[in-house]
N, C-alpha and C. Protein backbone atom coordinates (compact mmCIF):
# COMPACT_ATOMS: atom_id res chain seq x y z
N MET A 1 152.39 80.29 -11.93
CA MET A 1 152.13 80.52 -13.33
C MET A 1 153.22 79.87 -14.15
N SER A 2 152.86 79.33 -15.27
CA SER A 2 153.81 78.61 -16.11
C SER A 2 154.63 79.58 -16.97
N GLU A 3 155.88 79.21 -17.23
CA GLU A 3 156.76 80.02 -18.07
C GLU A 3 156.53 79.75 -19.55
N ASN A 4 155.89 78.64 -19.88
CA ASN A 4 155.65 78.26 -21.26
C ASN A 4 154.52 79.12 -21.85
N PRO A 5 154.77 79.86 -22.95
CA PRO A 5 153.71 80.69 -23.53
C PRO A 5 152.58 79.88 -24.14
N ASP A 6 152.84 78.60 -24.49
CA ASP A 6 151.77 77.77 -25.05
C ASP A 6 150.87 77.20 -23.97
N ASP A 7 151.32 77.22 -22.72
CA ASP A 7 150.52 76.74 -21.61
C ASP A 7 149.75 77.93 -21.04
N PRO A 8 148.43 77.96 -21.21
CA PRO A 8 147.67 79.14 -20.79
C PRO A 8 147.53 79.29 -19.29
N GLY A 9 147.85 78.26 -18.52
CA GLY A 9 147.67 78.38 -17.08
C GLY A 9 146.21 78.27 -16.71
N GLU A 10 145.85 78.90 -15.63
CA GLU A 10 144.48 78.81 -15.15
C GLU A 10 143.62 79.90 -15.78
N GLY A 11 142.58 79.52 -16.47
CA GLY A 11 141.59 80.45 -16.98
C GLY A 11 142.04 81.32 -18.14
N GLY A 12 143.20 81.11 -18.71
CA GLY A 12 143.66 81.96 -19.81
C GLY A 12 143.79 81.19 -21.11
N GLY A 13 142.86 80.30 -21.38
CA GLY A 13 142.94 79.44 -22.55
C GLY A 13 142.82 80.21 -23.87
N ARG A 14 143.43 79.63 -24.87
CA ARG A 14 143.37 80.20 -26.21
C ARG A 14 142.94 79.13 -27.18
N ILE A 15 142.19 79.54 -28.16
CA ILE A 15 141.81 78.64 -29.25
C ILE A 15 142.51 79.14 -30.49
N ARG A 16 143.25 78.26 -31.13
CA ARG A 16 143.97 78.65 -32.34
C ARG A 16 143.04 78.64 -33.53
N SER A 17 143.41 79.40 -34.53
CA SER A 17 142.64 79.42 -35.78
C SER A 17 142.73 78.07 -36.47
N THR A 18 141.73 77.78 -37.25
CA THR A 18 141.75 76.56 -38.04
C THR A 18 142.87 76.67 -39.07
N THR A 19 143.71 75.66 -39.12
CA THR A 19 144.86 75.72 -40.01
C THR A 19 144.50 75.20 -41.40
N ALA A 20 145.24 75.68 -42.38
CA ALA A 20 145.05 75.22 -43.75
C ALA A 20 145.37 73.74 -43.86
N GLY A 21 146.35 73.28 -43.09
CA GLY A 21 146.72 71.88 -43.12
C GLY A 21 145.60 70.97 -42.66
N SER A 22 144.89 71.37 -41.61
CA SER A 22 143.78 70.54 -41.14
C SER A 22 142.64 70.53 -42.15
N LEU A 23 142.39 71.65 -42.80
CA LEU A 23 141.34 71.69 -43.82
C LEU A 23 141.72 70.86 -45.04
N ILE A 24 142.97 70.96 -45.48
CA ILE A 24 143.42 70.20 -46.64
C ILE A 24 143.42 68.70 -46.32
N GLY A 25 143.90 68.35 -45.14
CA GLY A 25 143.90 66.94 -44.74
C GLY A 25 142.50 66.36 -44.67
N THR A 26 141.57 67.12 -44.10
CA THR A 26 140.18 66.66 -44.01
C THR A 26 139.56 66.55 -45.40
N ALA A 27 139.85 67.52 -46.26
CA ALA A 27 139.31 67.47 -47.63
C ALA A 27 139.89 66.28 -48.40
N LEU A 28 141.16 65.97 -48.17
CA LEU A 28 141.75 64.81 -48.85
C LEU A 28 141.13 63.50 -48.38
N VAL A 29 140.84 63.39 -47.09
CA VAL A 29 140.14 62.21 -46.59
C VAL A 29 138.77 62.10 -47.25
N GLY A 30 138.05 63.22 -47.34
CA GLY A 30 136.76 63.22 -48.01
C GLY A 30 136.88 62.87 -49.48
N LEU A 31 137.93 63.35 -50.14
CA LEU A 31 138.15 63.06 -51.55
C LEU A 31 138.33 61.56 -51.77
N VAL A 32 139.13 60.93 -50.94
CA VAL A 32 139.36 59.49 -51.08
C VAL A 32 138.07 58.72 -50.79
N LEU A 33 137.36 59.10 -49.73
CA LEU A 33 136.11 58.41 -49.40
C LEU A 33 135.06 58.60 -50.50
N GLY A 34 134.98 59.80 -51.05
CA GLY A 34 134.03 60.06 -52.14
C GLY A 34 134.39 59.28 -53.40
N TRP A 35 135.67 59.19 -53.69
CA TRP A 35 136.11 58.46 -54.86
C TRP A 35 135.84 56.96 -54.69
N LEU A 36 135.97 56.43 -53.46
CA LEU A 36 135.73 55.02 -53.20
C LEU A 36 134.24 54.66 -53.12
N LEU A 37 133.39 55.66 -52.98
CA LEU A 37 131.96 55.39 -52.80
C LEU A 37 131.37 54.64 -53.98
N LYS A 38 131.70 55.04 -55.19
CA LYS A 38 131.12 54.39 -56.38
C LYS A 38 131.52 52.93 -56.49
N PRO A 39 132.83 52.58 -56.49
CA PRO A 39 133.16 51.16 -56.65
C PRO A 39 132.67 50.29 -55.49
N VAL A 40 132.69 50.82 -54.28
CA VAL A 40 132.23 50.02 -53.14
C VAL A 40 130.73 49.81 -53.23
N SER A 41 129.97 50.84 -53.57
CA SER A 41 128.51 50.67 -53.64
C SER A 41 128.11 49.77 -54.80
N ILE A 42 128.84 49.82 -55.91
CA ILE A 42 128.55 48.92 -57.03
C ILE A 42 128.84 47.48 -56.63
N ARG A 43 129.94 47.29 -55.92
CA ARG A 43 130.31 45.94 -55.49
C ARG A 43 129.30 45.39 -54.48
N LEU A 44 128.81 46.24 -53.59
CA LEU A 44 127.90 45.77 -52.54
C LEU A 44 126.44 45.73 -52.99
N GLY A 45 126.01 46.75 -53.73
CA GLY A 45 124.59 46.84 -54.05
C GLY A 45 124.26 46.79 -55.52
N GLY A 46 125.24 46.85 -56.36
CA GLY A 46 124.97 46.76 -57.79
C GLY A 46 124.83 48.07 -58.52
N THR A 47 124.49 49.16 -57.81
CA THR A 47 124.34 50.46 -58.47
C THR A 47 125.05 51.54 -57.65
N ALA A 48 125.48 52.55 -58.36
CA ALA A 48 126.10 53.70 -57.70
C ALA A 48 125.01 54.64 -57.20
N PRO A 49 125.23 55.28 -56.06
CA PRO A 49 124.21 56.19 -55.55
C PRO A 49 124.09 57.44 -56.41
N THR A 50 122.89 57.98 -56.43
CA THR A 50 122.67 59.25 -57.12
C THR A 50 122.84 60.39 -56.12
N VAL A 51 123.12 61.55 -56.64
CA VAL A 51 123.25 62.74 -55.80
C VAL A 51 122.04 63.61 -56.09
N GLY A 52 121.20 63.79 -55.09
CA GLY A 52 120.00 64.61 -55.26
C GLY A 52 120.29 66.08 -55.02
N TRP A 53 119.36 66.91 -55.44
CA TRP A 53 119.52 68.34 -55.26
C TRP A 53 119.25 68.77 -53.82
N LEU A 54 118.41 68.04 -53.10
CA LEU A 54 118.04 68.47 -51.75
C LEU A 54 119.24 68.56 -50.80
N PRO A 55 120.11 67.55 -50.71
CA PRO A 55 121.27 67.71 -49.83
C PRO A 55 122.22 68.80 -50.29
N VAL A 56 122.34 68.97 -51.58
CA VAL A 56 123.23 70.00 -52.11
C VAL A 56 122.68 71.38 -51.76
N LEU A 57 121.38 71.57 -51.93
CA LEU A 57 120.76 72.86 -51.59
C LEU A 57 120.79 73.11 -50.09
N ALA A 58 120.62 72.06 -49.29
CA ALA A 58 120.71 72.22 -47.83
C ALA A 58 122.11 72.66 -47.43
N LEU A 59 123.11 72.09 -48.06
CA LEU A 59 124.50 72.47 -47.78
C LEU A 59 124.75 73.93 -48.17
N ALA A 60 124.21 74.33 -49.32
CA ALA A 60 124.35 75.72 -49.75
C ALA A 60 123.62 76.66 -48.78
N PHE A 61 122.47 76.24 -48.27
CA PHE A 61 121.73 77.05 -47.31
C PHE A 61 122.52 77.23 -46.01
N VAL A 62 123.13 76.16 -45.53
CA VAL A 62 123.95 76.25 -44.31
C VAL A 62 125.13 77.18 -44.54
N ALA A 63 125.72 77.12 -45.74
CA ALA A 63 126.82 78.03 -46.07
C ALA A 63 126.34 79.48 -46.04
N LEU A 64 125.16 79.72 -46.57
CA LEU A 64 124.60 81.07 -46.56
C LEU A 64 124.33 81.55 -45.14
N VAL A 65 123.86 80.66 -44.29
CA VAL A 65 123.63 81.00 -42.88
C VAL A 65 124.95 81.36 -42.20
N MET A 66 125.99 80.60 -42.49
CA MET A 66 127.29 80.88 -41.88
C MET A 66 127.82 82.26 -42.32
N VAL A 67 127.67 82.58 -43.58
CA VAL A 67 128.11 83.90 -44.06
C VAL A 67 127.29 84.99 -43.38
N SER A 68 126.00 84.76 -43.22
CA SER A 68 125.13 85.74 -42.58
C SER A 68 125.52 85.96 -41.11
N VAL A 69 125.79 84.88 -40.40
CA VAL A 69 126.20 85.00 -38.99
C VAL A 69 127.56 85.67 -38.91
N ALA A 70 128.45 85.37 -39.83
CA ALA A 70 129.77 86.01 -39.84
C ALA A 70 129.64 87.51 -40.06
N TRP A 71 128.80 87.90 -40.99
CA TRP A 71 128.61 89.33 -41.26
C TRP A 71 128.00 90.03 -40.05
N SER A 72 127.00 89.40 -39.44
CA SER A 72 126.36 89.98 -38.26
C SER A 72 127.34 90.10 -37.09
N THR A 73 128.14 89.07 -36.89
CA THR A 73 129.13 89.09 -35.80
C THR A 73 130.19 90.16 -36.05
N HIS A 74 130.67 90.22 -37.27
CA HIS A 74 131.68 91.24 -37.60
C HIS A 74 131.13 92.65 -37.39
N ARG A 75 129.91 92.85 -37.84
CA ARG A 75 129.29 94.17 -37.70
C ARG A 75 129.13 94.53 -36.22
N SER A 76 128.69 93.57 -35.42
CA SER A 76 128.48 93.84 -33.99
C SER A 76 129.79 94.11 -33.25
N LEU A 77 130.79 93.28 -33.48
CA LEU A 77 132.02 93.38 -32.71
C LEU A 77 132.97 94.46 -33.22
N HIS A 78 133.09 94.58 -34.52
CA HIS A 78 134.15 95.43 -35.08
C HIS A 78 133.67 96.77 -35.62
N ARG A 79 132.43 96.88 -35.95
CA ARG A 79 131.93 98.17 -36.44
C ARG A 79 131.22 98.95 -35.35
N ARG A 80 130.31 98.27 -34.63
CA ARG A 80 129.56 98.95 -33.57
C ARG A 80 130.24 98.84 -32.21
N HIS A 81 131.28 98.01 -32.14
CA HIS A 81 132.06 97.79 -30.91
C HIS A 81 131.17 97.37 -29.75
N GLU A 82 130.21 96.51 -30.05
CA GLU A 82 129.37 95.95 -29.00
C GLU A 82 130.08 94.77 -28.37
N ARG A 83 129.67 94.44 -27.15
CA ARG A 83 130.23 93.26 -26.47
C ARG A 83 129.31 92.08 -26.73
N LEU A 84 129.93 90.94 -26.96
CA LEU A 84 129.20 89.70 -27.17
C LEU A 84 129.34 88.88 -25.90
N GLN A 85 128.25 88.31 -25.43
CA GLN A 85 128.32 87.50 -24.22
C GLN A 85 129.30 86.35 -24.47
N PRO A 86 130.11 86.03 -23.46
CA PRO A 86 131.16 85.02 -23.66
C PRO A 86 130.66 83.67 -24.17
N HIS A 87 129.56 83.19 -23.64
CA HIS A 87 129.07 81.88 -24.10
C HIS A 87 128.60 81.94 -25.56
N LEU A 88 128.07 83.07 -26.00
CA LEU A 88 127.67 83.22 -27.40
C LEU A 88 128.89 83.28 -28.32
N ALA A 89 129.92 83.95 -27.84
CA ALA A 89 131.15 84.04 -28.65
C ALA A 89 131.78 82.66 -28.80
N VAL A 90 131.83 81.89 -27.73
CA VAL A 90 132.40 80.55 -27.79
C VAL A 90 131.54 79.65 -28.67
N ASN A 91 130.22 79.76 -28.54
CA ASN A 91 129.33 78.97 -29.39
C ASN A 91 129.57 79.26 -30.87
N ARG A 92 129.70 80.51 -31.22
CA ARG A 92 129.93 80.88 -32.62
C ARG A 92 131.29 80.39 -33.11
N LEU A 93 132.28 80.48 -32.25
CA LEU A 93 133.61 80.04 -32.64
C LEU A 93 133.65 78.52 -32.83
N VAL A 94 133.04 77.78 -31.92
CA VAL A 94 132.99 76.32 -32.05
C VAL A 94 132.18 75.92 -33.28
N LEU A 95 131.09 76.62 -33.53
CA LEU A 95 130.29 76.37 -34.74
C LEU A 95 131.14 76.60 -35.99
N ALA A 96 131.90 77.68 -36.01
CA ALA A 96 132.73 77.99 -37.17
C ALA A 96 133.80 76.93 -37.38
N LYS A 97 134.47 76.53 -36.33
CA LYS A 97 135.54 75.55 -36.46
C LYS A 97 134.98 74.19 -36.91
N SER A 98 133.88 73.77 -36.32
CA SER A 98 133.33 72.46 -36.69
C SER A 98 132.75 72.47 -38.10
N CYS A 99 132.10 73.55 -38.48
CA CYS A 99 131.54 73.62 -39.83
C CYS A 99 132.63 73.74 -40.90
N SER A 100 133.75 74.36 -40.56
CA SER A 100 134.82 74.43 -41.55
C SER A 100 135.40 73.05 -41.82
N LEU A 101 135.59 72.24 -40.78
CA LEU A 101 136.10 70.88 -40.98
C LEU A 101 135.06 69.99 -41.64
N ALA A 102 133.81 70.09 -41.22
CA ALA A 102 132.75 69.29 -41.85
C ALA A 102 132.57 69.69 -43.31
N GLY A 103 132.62 70.99 -43.59
CA GLY A 103 132.50 71.45 -44.96
C GLY A 103 133.64 70.95 -45.83
N ALA A 104 134.85 70.92 -45.28
CA ALA A 104 135.99 70.41 -46.05
C ALA A 104 135.82 68.93 -46.33
N LEU A 105 135.34 68.16 -45.36
CA LEU A 105 135.12 66.73 -45.56
C LEU A 105 134.05 66.49 -46.62
N VAL A 106 132.95 67.21 -46.52
CA VAL A 106 131.85 67.04 -47.47
C VAL A 106 132.26 67.52 -48.88
N ALA A 107 132.94 68.64 -48.95
CA ALA A 107 133.39 69.13 -50.26
C ALA A 107 134.32 68.13 -50.91
N GLY A 108 135.26 67.60 -50.13
CA GLY A 108 136.16 66.58 -50.67
C GLY A 108 135.41 65.34 -51.10
N GLY A 109 134.42 64.94 -50.32
CA GLY A 109 133.62 63.77 -50.66
C GLY A 109 132.86 63.95 -51.97
N TYR A 110 132.21 65.08 -52.11
CA TYR A 110 131.47 65.35 -53.35
C TYR A 110 132.42 65.43 -54.55
N LEU A 111 133.54 66.11 -54.37
CA LEU A 111 134.48 66.23 -55.49
C LEU A 111 135.10 64.88 -55.83
N GLY A 112 135.39 64.05 -54.83
CA GLY A 112 135.90 62.71 -55.10
C GLY A 112 134.89 61.86 -55.85
N TYR A 113 133.62 61.99 -55.47
CA TYR A 113 132.57 61.24 -56.17
C TYR A 113 132.45 61.73 -57.62
N ALA A 114 132.55 63.03 -57.82
CA ALA A 114 132.50 63.57 -59.18
C ALA A 114 133.68 63.07 -60.00
N LEU A 115 134.87 63.03 -59.40
CA LEU A 115 136.06 62.53 -60.11
C LEU A 115 135.92 61.07 -60.50
N SER A 116 135.20 60.30 -59.71
CA SER A 116 135.04 58.88 -60.02
C SER A 116 134.20 58.67 -61.28
N TRP A 117 133.49 59.70 -61.70
CA TRP A 117 132.66 59.59 -62.91
C TRP A 117 133.33 60.16 -64.15
N LEU A 118 134.51 60.73 -64.00
CA LEU A 118 135.20 61.28 -65.17
C LEU A 118 135.50 60.19 -66.18
N GLY A 119 135.23 60.48 -67.44
CA GLY A 119 135.51 59.54 -68.52
C GLY A 119 134.46 58.47 -68.72
N LEU A 120 133.42 58.47 -67.91
CA LEU A 120 132.35 57.46 -68.04
C LEU A 120 131.10 58.09 -68.62
N THR A 121 131.21 58.62 -69.82
CA THR A 121 130.08 59.32 -70.43
C THR A 121 128.99 58.38 -70.89
N ASP A 122 129.31 57.10 -71.10
CA ASP A 122 128.29 56.16 -71.56
C ASP A 122 127.50 55.54 -70.42
N ALA A 123 127.96 55.71 -69.18
CA ALA A 123 127.25 55.15 -68.02
C ALA A 123 125.95 55.91 -67.80
N GLU A 124 124.96 55.17 -67.32
CA GLU A 124 123.65 55.76 -67.09
C GLU A 124 123.72 56.82 -66.00
N LEU A 125 123.21 57.99 -66.27
CA LEU A 125 123.16 59.12 -65.34
C LEU A 125 124.53 59.63 -64.89
N ALA A 126 125.60 59.29 -65.60
CA ALA A 126 126.95 59.71 -65.20
C ALA A 126 127.08 61.22 -65.20
N HIS A 127 126.61 61.86 -66.25
CA HIS A 127 126.73 63.33 -66.34
C HIS A 127 125.94 64.00 -65.22
N GLN A 128 124.73 63.52 -64.97
CA GLN A 128 123.90 64.11 -63.92
C GLN A 128 124.57 63.95 -62.55
N ARG A 129 125.08 62.77 -62.26
CA ARG A 129 125.74 62.52 -60.99
C ARG A 129 126.98 63.40 -60.83
N MET A 130 127.72 63.56 -61.93
CA MET A 130 128.93 64.37 -61.86
C MET A 130 128.59 65.84 -61.63
N VAL A 131 127.60 66.36 -62.32
CA VAL A 131 127.22 67.77 -62.16
C VAL A 131 126.70 68.03 -60.75
N HIS A 132 125.82 67.15 -60.26
CA HIS A 132 125.28 67.33 -58.91
C HIS A 132 126.39 67.27 -57.87
N ALA A 133 127.33 66.35 -58.05
CA ALA A 133 128.43 66.23 -57.10
C ALA A 133 129.36 67.45 -57.16
N LEU A 134 129.59 67.98 -58.35
CA LEU A 134 130.42 69.19 -58.47
C LEU A 134 129.77 70.38 -57.77
N VAL A 135 128.47 70.53 -57.95
CA VAL A 135 127.76 71.61 -57.27
C VAL A 135 127.79 71.40 -55.76
N GLY A 136 127.67 70.14 -55.32
CA GLY A 136 127.80 69.83 -53.90
C GLY A 136 129.18 70.17 -53.37
N GLY A 137 130.20 69.91 -54.16
CA GLY A 137 131.56 70.26 -53.76
C GLY A 137 131.73 71.77 -53.63
N LEU A 138 131.13 72.51 -54.55
CA LEU A 138 131.18 73.97 -54.46
C LEU A 138 130.44 74.48 -53.23
N ALA A 139 129.29 73.86 -52.92
CA ALA A 139 128.54 74.25 -51.73
C ALA A 139 129.33 73.93 -50.46
N GLY A 140 130.03 72.81 -50.45
CA GLY A 140 130.90 72.48 -49.31
C GLY A 140 132.04 73.48 -49.18
N GLY A 141 132.60 73.90 -50.31
CA GLY A 141 133.64 74.93 -50.29
C GLY A 141 133.10 76.26 -49.77
N ALA A 142 131.87 76.58 -50.15
CA ALA A 142 131.24 77.80 -49.64
C ALA A 142 131.02 77.72 -48.13
N LEU A 143 130.70 76.52 -47.64
CA LEU A 143 130.54 76.33 -46.20
C LEU A 143 131.86 76.55 -45.48
N VAL A 144 132.94 76.06 -46.06
CA VAL A 144 134.27 76.28 -45.47
C VAL A 144 134.57 77.77 -45.44
N ALA A 145 134.32 78.45 -46.55
CA ALA A 145 134.60 79.89 -46.62
C ALA A 145 133.77 80.67 -45.61
N GLY A 146 132.48 80.37 -45.53
CA GLY A 146 131.62 81.06 -44.56
C GLY A 146 132.04 80.79 -43.13
N SER A 147 132.46 79.57 -42.86
CA SER A 147 132.91 79.21 -41.51
C SER A 147 134.20 79.93 -41.14
N LEU A 148 135.11 80.02 -42.10
CA LEU A 148 136.35 80.75 -41.83
C LEU A 148 136.09 82.24 -41.63
N LEU A 149 135.12 82.78 -42.35
CA LEU A 149 134.74 84.18 -42.15
C LEU A 149 134.18 84.39 -40.74
N LEU A 150 133.35 83.45 -40.29
CA LEU A 150 132.80 83.56 -38.94
C LEU A 150 133.91 83.44 -37.89
N GLU A 151 134.83 82.52 -38.11
CA GLU A 151 135.96 82.39 -37.19
C GLU A 151 136.75 83.67 -37.13
N ARG A 152 136.96 84.27 -38.28
CA ARG A 152 137.71 85.55 -38.35
C ARG A 152 136.92 86.66 -37.65
N ALA A 153 135.61 86.68 -37.82
CA ALA A 153 134.78 87.71 -37.19
C ALA A 153 134.79 87.60 -35.68
N CYS A 154 135.02 86.40 -35.16
CA CYS A 154 135.03 86.21 -33.70
C CYS A 154 136.32 86.68 -33.05
N ARG A 155 137.33 87.01 -33.84
CA ARG A 155 138.62 87.46 -33.27
C ARG A 155 138.47 88.85 -32.65
N VAL A 156 139.08 88.98 -31.50
CA VAL A 156 139.13 90.28 -30.83
C VAL A 156 140.57 90.52 -30.43
N GLY A 157 140.88 91.75 -30.12
CA GLY A 157 142.24 92.11 -29.72
C GLY A 157 142.59 91.53 -28.36
N PRO A 158 143.87 91.50 -28.01
CA PRO A 158 144.29 90.93 -26.73
C PRO A 158 143.74 91.68 -25.52
N ASP A 159 143.45 92.96 -25.66
CA ASP A 159 142.93 93.72 -24.53
C ASP A 159 141.43 93.57 -24.36
N GLU A 160 140.77 92.93 -25.32
CA GLU A 160 139.32 92.75 -25.23
C GLU A 160 139.03 91.40 -24.61
């Protein structure tokens, strides 16, 4: 057995919580990519892309599903003290971690795209694109929050 507490040895692996640094870093990458989307698309295709309601609503729906799964998991594990099958617990934890990072990237992307339209009130559809992108950024933030809630709900004590 290893003396290093960070080395889990055989069969005693640990998954760390998603850090604020990884979420902020991912959101900043999304912010830069979203901000660059308008000038690059104008240079390549002549027009900036529009932001439709369907992807924004789909993102909000996924965030709602994550909150629902988090609430159900928390209720099962911490209130009713039921046991969750190991593969289901790992699946939920991996889903939470991946959705939190994806949500941060998408939220940053939408917010970066919205920022690229600031001050361009005379551009065609600028206000509409900015509002849709801001709502998309909020939906991405809600996905991050729901994912972190699910990650938190999956935590159990060391004796469990």
